[in-house]
Amino acid sequence: MTQGTRPDTASETQEIPGTHGNPRARTAQRDAEQGTRKARLRPPRLKRGDHVTVVSPSWQGAEVFPHRAERGIADVASWSGLRVGRAAAPDGHRPGSRQARAEQFNAALRDPGTQGVLWMIGGIDAAGLLGLVDYDAFAASPKVVCGYSDATVLHHALYARTGATTFYGPAVLSEFAEAGGTPQLTRESFLDLTMRGWTGTFPRSPEVYEEFVDWAGEDRPRVPEPAPARTVLRPGTAEGPLLAGCVPSALQLLGTPWLPDYRGHVLALEFANDDGYGPGQAARDLWQLRHAGLLDGIEGLVVGRPRQWPAAGRAELDRALLDVCHGLAFPIVTEFEFGHTDPVLTLPVGVPVCLDGDELRLLEPAVS
């Protein structure tokens, strides 16, 4: 929870004496006030030899770049010891249709022989699956589910409906399939969070891959460059369960029964860099979050490193964040290594963390 207090409002509950400035005590207070929050469910940790199914709930990118899909699957299998395979196309539906994508995703959730689910790639179509997902199957048998970008829609829906932890992290085509192999930080963070039961301070990366090598043409390793340092826009300490996602995808859940309760969370937000998305679009979307009331009760804000944004764009985003969050007393750090950047950390949804300055510490294992 944040050090200091938010401005008084008519709806602000009375703080318990002795909790001011104490993140852990205020977290307990907030949890008590939110008695409807579902109990946290942790998936079993993955083990060498476990089967992981690669699904495509959004864009069918593996059909466009089959060689890259094969390389990504082989790469993650080589250093994890997992048995990784693509989900079969379901019978009776047009390939890539909403029904086919939902059936493929549900089959992976229901299959007792599948211990983990990886996204092949993001896209823009996951919201169409919201009413078709088998939430009860996932609640009855949680498993490691990992992806990012448009995966936000299903991460948040699964969390809202079941309280189970999922993982906002790398996908096969975009992270595991580069010609130079998976960056060490990406690889180790995925293993730490999903297989090792790790706790501790999320590491930094001194390098970043801003270069994009054409998937349809060039086939060479990318060249890294020095990474910008994390930036503390507003100092402080915060504690609460982590909720990570991509802002334009998260906004698709406004007004739906699949929107999670943001209150009491340390929010980790990041932005796409597709189709001209930049700081202007980010500011627009942040204002929508603010006006919808979703930032009012959060405890801290961690902002992902935007990919291929120039220094002026990054500075514009920082100004927008301070403007949008004016009057809300929680700490803010930017340039964090998750989301649409590379290398990328794996962040567990729903697991308690502590944000202190520019460091984020995982307080409990994300897997059982």
Protein backbone atom coordinates (compact mmCIF):
# COMPACT_ATOMS: atom_id res chain seq x y z
CA MET A 1 0.00 0.00 0.00
CA THR A 2 1.17 3.54 -0.52
CA GLN A 3 3.00 5.66 2.00
CA GLY A 4 0.85 8.67 2.74
CA THR A 5 -2.88 9.06 2.28
CA ARG A 6 -5.13 9.83 -0.63
CA PRO A 7 -7.19 13.02 -0.61
CA ASP A 8 -10.28 12.71 1.57
CA THR A 9 -13.47 11.77 -0.25
CA ALA A 10 -16.99 11.10 0.90
CA SER A 11 -16.59 7.41 0.19
CA GLU A 12 -13.19 7.01 1.90
CA THR A 13 -13.42 4.51 4.75
CA GLN A 14 -11.90 5.34 8.12
CA GLU A 15 -8.30 4.15 8.38
CA ILE A 16 -7.54 1.72 11.19
CA PRO A 17 -5.28 3.40 13.78
CA GLY A 18 -1.65 2.42 13.34
CA THR A 19 -1.88 1.54 9.66
CA HIS A 20 -0.86 4.93 8.22
CA GLY A 21 2.32 4.52 6.20
CA ASN A 22 2.38 0.77 6.84
CA PRO A 23 1.84 -1.06 3.51
CA ARG A 24 1.24 -4.48 5.03
CA ALA A 25 -1.25 -3.24 7.61
CA ARG A 26 -3.15 -1.19 5.06
CA THR A 27 -3.25 -4.17 2.71
CA ALA A 28 -4.92 -6.17 5.50
CA GLN A 29 -7.38 -3.34 6.04
CA ARG A 30 -8.25 -3.12 2.34
CA ASP A 31 -8.67 -6.89 2.08
CA ALA A 32 -11.02 -6.85 5.06
CA GLU A 33 -13.08 -4.11 3.41
CA GLN A 34 -13.23 -6.12 0.18
CA GLY A 35 -14.61 -9.33 1.60
CA THR A 36 -15.93 -10.34 -1.80
CA ARG A 37 -12.44 -10.78 -3.28
CA LYS A 38 -12.02 -14.37 -4.29
CA ALA A 39 -9.44 -16.55 -2.54
CA ARG A 40 -6.21 -16.81 -4.49
CA LEU A 41 -5.64 -20.01 -6.41
CA ARG A 42 -2.13 -20.99 -7.49
CA PRO A 43 -1.48 -23.42 -10.32
CA PRO A 44 0.92 -26.31 -9.71
CA ARG A 45 4.45 -25.50 -10.80
CA LEU A 46 5.59 -26.89 -14.12
CA LYS A 47 8.14 -29.69 -14.02
CA ARG A 48 10.51 -31.07 -16.63
CA GLY A 49 8.55 -33.47 -18.82
CA ASP A 50 5.21 -31.70 -18.29
CA HIS A 51 3.15 -31.01 -21.38
CA VAL A 52 2.52 -27.41 -22.44
CA THR A 53 0.01 -26.61 -25.17
CA VAL A 54 0.46 -23.57 -27.43
CA VAL A 55 -2.85 -21.90 -28.26
CA SER A 56 -3.93 -19.07 -30.57
CA PRO A 57 -6.95 -17.31 -29.02
CA SER A 58 -6.36 -14.22 -31.19
CA TRP A 59 -4.30 -13.83 -34.36
CA GLN A 60 -3.50 -17.05 -36.21
CA GLY A 61 0.10 -16.00 -36.73
CA ALA A 62 1.52 -19.54 -36.80
CA GLU A 63 -0.30 -20.11 -40.07
CA VAL A 64 1.52 -17.13 -41.56
CA PHE A 65 4.94 -17.91 -40.08
CA PRO A 66 5.02 -21.70 -39.55
CA HIS A 67 8.81 -21.92 -39.55
CA ARG A 68 9.02 -19.30 -36.83
CA ALA A 69 6.38 -21.11 -34.76
CA GLU A 70 8.35 -24.35 -34.99
CA ARG A 71 11.56 -22.60 -33.98
CA GLY A 72 9.93 -20.94 -30.95
CA ILE A 73 8.42 -24.19 -29.73
CA ALA A 74 11.74 -26.00 -30.12
CA ASP A 75 13.60 -23.21 -28.34
CA VAL A 76 11.45 -23.12 -25.20
CA ALA A 77 11.45 -26.93 -25.02
CA SER A 78 15.25 -27.03 -25.27
CA TRP A 79 15.95 -24.96 -22.16
CA SER A 80 12.87 -25.75 -20.06
CA GLY A 81 12.68 -29.53 -20.42
CA LEU A 82 8.95 -29.17 -21.09
CA ARG A 83 7.13 -31.06 -23.83
CA VAL A 84 5.71 -28.24 -25.92
CA GLY A 85 3.26 -28.72 -28.77
CA ARG A 86 0.71 -26.76 -30.78
CA ALA A 87 -2.95 -27.23 -29.99
CA ALA A 88 -4.85 -29.23 -32.56
CA ALA A 89 -7.42 -27.46 -34.73
CA PRO A 90 -10.88 -28.40 -33.42
CA ASP A 91 -13.27 -30.25 -35.71
CA GLY A 92 -16.53 -28.79 -36.87
CA HIS A 93 -15.55 -25.11 -36.96
CA ARG A 94 -14.06 -22.82 -39.58
CA PRO A 95 -10.31 -22.44 -38.81
CA GLY A 96 -9.65 -19.23 -36.92
CA SER A 97 -13.32 -18.59 -36.18
CA ARG A 98 -14.42 -17.43 -32.75
CA GLN A 99 -15.87 -20.85 -31.99
CA ALA A 100 -12.73 -22.66 -33.15
CA ARG A 101 -10.44 -20.44 -31.08
CA ALA A 102 -12.63 -20.84 -27.99
CA GLU A 103 -12.82 -24.61 -28.38
CA GLN A 104 -9.05 -24.84 -28.77
CA PHE A 105 -8.50 -22.72 -25.64
CA ASN A 106 -11.08 -24.65 -23.61
CA ALA A 107 -9.63 -27.98 -24.69
CA ALA A 108 -6.26 -26.92 -23.27
CA LEU A 109 -7.86 -25.77 -20.01
CA ARG A 110 -9.82 -29.00 -19.64
CA ASP A 111 -7.17 -31.49 -20.72
CA PRO A 112 -5.76 -33.30 -17.64
CA GLY A 113 -2.67 -34.14 -19.68
CA THR A 114 -1.86 -30.46 -20.24
CA GLN A 115 -0.06 -28.77 -17.36
CA GLY A 116 0.56 -25.41 -19.02
CA VAL A 117 -0.82 -23.15 -21.75
CA LEU A 118 1.28 -20.73 -23.80
CA TRP A 119 0.04 -18.05 -26.19
CA MET A 120 1.38 -18.33 -29.72
CA ILE A 121 0.96 -14.58 -30.27
CA GLY A 122 -1.40 -11.75 -29.34
CA GLY A 123 -3.77 -9.96 -31.69
CA ILE A 124 -7.08 -8.11 -31.36
CA ASP A 125 -9.71 -10.85 -31.19
CA ALA A 126 -9.61 -12.39 -27.70
CA ALA A 127 -12.62 -10.41 -26.47
CA GLY A 128 -14.89 -12.47 -28.70
CA LEU A 129 -14.11 -15.54 -26.56
CA LEU A 130 -15.19 -14.07 -23.22
CA GLY A 131 -18.64 -15.66 -23.21
CA LEU A 132 -17.35 -19.02 -24.43
CA VAL A 133 -14.49 -19.74 -22.00
CA ASP A 134 -14.91 -22.63 -19.55
CA TYR A 135 -14.15 -20.70 -16.35
CA ASP A 136 -15.39 -23.53 -14.17
CA ALA A 137 -12.85 -25.93 -15.66
CA PHE A 138 -10.02 -23.51 -14.94
CA ALA A 139 -11.24 -22.86 -11.39
CA ALA A 140 -11.43 -26.60 -10.73
CA SER A 141 -7.94 -27.25 -12.05
CA PRO A 142 -5.77 -24.12 -12.44
CA LYS A 143 -2.70 -24.46 -14.62
CA VAL A 144 0.08 -22.18 -15.80
CA VAL A 145 -1.32 -19.87 -18.50
CA CYS A 146 1.13 -17.41 -20.04
CA GLY A 147 0.90 -14.68 -22.68
CA TYR A 148 0.69 -10.91 -23.05
CA SER A 149 -0.84 -8.09 -25.10
CA ASP A 150 -4.33 -9.22 -26.22
CA ALA A 151 -3.99 -12.08 -23.72
CA THR A 152 -4.82 -9.38 -21.13
CA VAL A 153 -8.51 -9.89 -21.93
CA LEU A 154 -8.49 -13.54 -20.91
CA HIS A 155 -5.99 -13.11 -18.05
CA HIS A 156 -8.26 -10.54 -16.44
CA ALA A 157 -11.43 -12.50 -17.13
CA LEU A 158 -9.99 -15.69 -15.65
CA TYR A 159 -8.80 -13.76 -12.60
CA ALA A 160 -12.12 -11.96 -12.14
CA ARG A 161 -14.13 -15.19 -12.40
CA THR A 162 -11.85 -17.61 -10.53
CA GLY A 163 -9.23 -15.71 -8.49
CA ALA A 164 -6.58 -17.95 -10.05
CA THR A 165 -3.10 -16.77 -10.92
CA THR A 166 -2.09 -16.53 -14.55
CA PHE A 167 1.15 -15.15 -15.99
CA TYR A 168 1.62 -11.99 -18.00
CA GLY A 169 4.70 -13.00 -19.91
CA PRO A 170 6.32 -14.11 -23.16
CA ALA A 171 4.61 -15.67 -26.16
CA VAL A 172 6.05 -18.14 -28.65
CA LEU A 173 6.21 -16.17 -31.90
CA SER A 174 7.29 -12.86 -30.43
CA GLU A 175 9.74 -13.90 -27.68
CA PHE A 176 10.86 -17.51 -28.09
CA ALA A 177 11.37 -17.59 -31.86
CA GLU A 178 14.12 -15.06 -32.58
CA ALA A 179 17.12 -16.27 -34.57
CA GLY A 180 19.47 -15.42 -31.72
CA GLY A 181 17.50 -17.47 -29.20
CA THR A 182 15.53 -16.33 -26.17
CA PRO A 183 17.29 -13.61 -24.13
CA GLN A 184 18.56 -14.85 -20.77
CA LEU A 185 16.37 -12.56 -18.66
CA THR A 186 13.24 -13.66 -20.54
CA ARG A 187 14.20 -17.32 -20.17
CA GLU A 188 15.18 -17.19 -16.50
CA SER A 189 12.17 -15.14 -15.43
CA PHE A 190 9.78 -17.58 -17.11
CA LEU A 191 11.51 -20.52 -15.40
CA ASP A 192 11.63 -18.75 -12.03
CA LEU A 193 7.96 -17.88 -12.00
CA THR A 194 6.42 -21.01 -13.51
CA MET A 195 8.80 -23.81 -12.49
CA ARG A 196 10.98 -22.79 -9.53
CA GLY A 197 8.58 -21.19 -7.06
CA TRP A 198 10.82 -18.13 -6.95
CA THR A 199 10.36 -15.09 -4.71
CA GLY A 200 12.53 -11.99 -4.58
CA THR A 201 13.26 -8.76 -6.43
CA PHE A 202 12.54 -8.76 -10.16
CA PRO A 203 15.85 -8.32 -11.98
CA ARG A 204 16.82 -5.52 -14.33
CA SER A 205 18.11 -5.79 -17.86
CA PRO A 206 21.07 -3.65 -18.93
CA GLU A 207 20.16 -4.27 -22.58
CA VAL A 208 17.06 -3.92 -24.72
CA TYR A 209 16.24 -5.18 -28.23
CA GLU A 210 14.53 -2.30 -30.00
CA GLU A 211 15.39 -3.59 -33.46
CA PHE A 212 12.75 -5.48 -35.41
CA VAL A 213 13.99 -8.10 -37.86
CA ASP A 214 11.39 -8.80 -40.55
CA TRP A 215 9.83 -12.19 -39.84
CA ALA A 216 9.12 -12.76 -43.51
CA GLY A 217 12.55 -11.77 -44.82
CA GLU A 218 15.69 -11.45 -42.72
CA ASP A 219 16.70 -14.27 -40.44
CA ARG A 220 19.52 -13.02 -38.24
CA PRO A 221 20.06 -12.26 -34.56
CA ARG A 222 19.04 -8.80 -33.43
CA VAL A 223 21.57 -6.34 -32.05
CA PRO A 224 20.96 -5.21 -28.44
CA GLU A 225 21.49 -1.68 -27.20
CA PRO A 226 21.76 -0.12 -23.72
CA ALA A 227 18.41 -0.09 -21.94
CA PRO A 228 17.00 3.10 -20.43
CA ALA A 229 16.96 3.07 -16.64
CA ARG A 230 13.77 2.59 -14.69
CA THR A 231 12.34 5.98 -13.71
CA VAL A 232 10.59 6.78 -10.45
CA LEU A 233 7.92 9.33 -11.35
CA ARG A 234 6.50 9.35 -7.85
CA PRO A 235 8.40 7.78 -4.93
CA GLY A 236 6.87 5.60 -2.27
CA THR A 237 6.16 2.07 -1.15
CA ALA A 238 3.15 -0.01 -2.11
CA GLU A 239 1.99 -3.54 -1.42
CA GLY A 240 -0.81 -5.64 -2.82
CA PRO A 241 -1.60 -8.37 -5.34
CA LEU A 242 -0.22 -7.69 -8.80
CA LEU A 243 -2.52 -7.06 -11.75
CA ALA A 244 -0.71 -6.78 -15.09
CA GLY A 245 -2.01 -6.02 -18.56
CA CYS A 246 -1.93 -4.04 -21.77
CA VAL A 247 -4.02 -0.90 -21.46
CA PRO A 248 -5.94 -0.93 -24.79
CA SER A 249 -6.79 -4.59 -24.21
CA ALA A 250 -7.82 -4.08 -20.58
CA LEU A 251 -10.22 -1.33 -21.65
CA GLN A 252 -12.23 -3.86 -23.63
CA LEU A 253 -13.54 -5.25 -20.32
CA LEU A 254 -15.12 -1.99 -19.12
CA GLY A 255 -18.81 -2.49 -18.51
CA THR A 256 -18.58 -6.28 -18.70
CA PRO A 257 -18.93 -8.94 -15.98
CA TRP A 258 -15.33 -10.01 -16.67
CA LEU A 259 -13.70 -6.82 -15.38
CA PRO A 260 -11.56 -7.55 -12.29
CA ASP A 261 -11.64 -5.34 -9.21
CA TYR A 262 -8.54 -3.13 -9.46
CA ARG A 263 -8.83 -1.86 -5.89
CA GLY A 264 -5.99 -2.80 -3.57
CA HIS A 265 -3.74 -4.00 -6.40
CA VAL A 266 -0.34 -2.92 -7.56
CA LEU A 267 -1.20 -2.28 -11.18
CA ALA A 268 1.32 -3.09 -13.93
CA LEU A 269 0.29 -1.43 -17.19
CA GLU A 270 1.96 -1.36 -20.59
CA PHE A 271 1.18 -0.20 -24.10
CA ALA A 272 1.30 -1.67 -27.58
CA ASN A 273 3.40 -0.21 -30.37
CA ASP A 274 1.26 -1.52 -33.25
CA ASP A 275 -0.60 0.51 -35.88
CA GLY A 276 0.83 3.85 -34.82
CA TYR A 277 -0.04 3.52 -31.13
CA GLY A 278 1.99 6.13 -29.26
CA PRO A 279 1.93 8.53 -26.30
CA GLY A 280 -1.17 10.35 -27.54
CA GLN A 281 -3.18 7.14 -27.66
CA ALA A 282 -1.71 6.08 -24.31
CA ALA A 283 -2.83 9.34 -22.68
CA ARG A 284 -6.34 8.91 -24.12
CA ASP A 285 -6.57 5.37 -22.72
CA LEU A 286 -5.15 6.35 -19.33
CA TRP A 287 -7.80 9.06 -19.01
CA GLN A 288 -10.47 6.49 -19.76
CA LEU A 289 -9.13 4.33 -16.91
CA ARG A 290 -9.15 7.35 -14.60
CA HIS A 291 -12.64 8.48 -15.54
CA ALA A 292 -13.93 4.92 -15.14
CA GLY A 293 -12.69 5.01 -11.54
CA LEU A 294 -10.25 2.14 -12.00
CA LEU A 295 -7.21 4.04 -10.72
CA ASP A 296 -8.90 5.42 -7.59
CA GLY A 297 -8.21 2.49 -5.29
CA ILE A 298 -4.95 1.06 -6.59
CA GLU A 299 -1.85 0.97 -4.40
CA GLY A 300 0.95 1.46 -6.92
CA LEU A 301 1.58 1.74 -10.64
CA VAL A 302 4.32 -0.02 -12.61
CA VAL A 303 4.54 1.03 -16.26
CA GLY A 304 6.16 -1.18 -18.89
CA ARG A 305 8.95 -0.04 -21.19
CA PRO A 306 7.40 1.09 -24.49
CA ARG A 307 9.04 -0.42 -27.55
CA GLN A 308 10.52 1.77 -30.29
CA TRP A 309 9.22 4.99 -28.77
CA PRO A 310 11.67 7.91 -29.11
CA ALA A 311 12.89 9.80 -26.04
CA ALA A 312 10.39 12.58 -26.71
CA GLY A 313 7.54 10.07 -26.75
CA ARG A 314 8.68 8.53 -23.48
CA ALA A 315 8.84 11.98 -21.88
CA GLU A 316 5.34 12.72 -23.17
CA LEU A 317 4.08 9.51 -21.59
CA ASP A 318 5.64 10.46 -18.25
CA ARG A 319 3.90 13.83 -18.32
CA ALA A 320 0.59 12.18 -19.18
CA LEU A 321 0.95 9.70 -16.31
CA LEU A 322 1.53 12.48 -13.78
CA ASP A 323 -1.38 14.48 -15.20
CA VAL A 324 -3.80 11.54 -15.20
CA CYS A 325 -2.75 10.42 -11.70
CA HIS A 326 -2.80 13.89 -10.15
CA GLY A 327 -4.57 13.75 -6.78
CA LEU A 328 -4.07 10.01 -6.37
CA ALA A 329 -1.32 9.27 -3.86
CA PHE A 330 0.39 6.09 -5.07
CA PRO A 331 3.97 5.50 -6.25
CA ILE A 332 4.72 5.28 -9.98
CA VAL A 333 7.70 3.73 -11.74
CA THR A 334 8.20 3.55 -15.51
CA GLU A 335 10.51 1.77 -17.97
CA PHE A 336 9.88 -1.60 -16.31
CA GLU A 337 10.91 -4.72 -18.24
CA PHE A 338 7.59 -6.30 -19.18
CA GLY A 339 5.06 -6.28 -21.99
CA HIS A 340 5.92 -5.07 -25.49
CA THR A 341 9.66 -4.98 -24.90
CA ASP A 342 12.51 -7.46 -25.07
CA PRO A 343 13.87 -8.99 -22.88
CA VAL A 344 10.73 -9.37 -20.82
CA LEU A 345 9.87 -10.40 -17.27
CA THR A 346 7.06 -12.82 -16.43
CA LEU A 347 4.60 -11.20 -13.99
CA PRO A 348 2.09 -13.28 -11.98
CA VAL A 349 -1.46 -11.97 -11.73
CA GLY A 350 -2.94 -11.96 -8.24
CA VAL A 351 0.26 -12.65 -6.26
CA PRO A 352 1.36 -10.16 -3.54
CA VAL A 353 4.23 -7.84 -4.41
CA CYS A 354 5.94 -4.87 -2.82
CA LEU A 355 6.86 -1.83 -4.91
CA ASP A 356 9.61 0.27 -3.35
CA GLY A 357 11.02 3.03 -5.53
CA ASP A 358 12.10 1.36 -8.76
CA GLU A 359 12.19 -2.16 -7.33
CA LEU A 360 9.37 -4.70 -7.40
CA ARG A 361 9.59 -7.67 -5.04
CA LEU A 362 7.50 -10.84 -5.26
CA LEU A 363 6.44 -11.78 -1.75
CA GLU A 364 5.00 -15.26 -2.34
CA PRO A 365 5.56 -18.01 -4.91
CA ALA A 366 3.24 -17.80 -7.88
CA VAL A 367 2.91 -21.60 -8.13
CA SER A 368 2.10 -24.28 -5.60
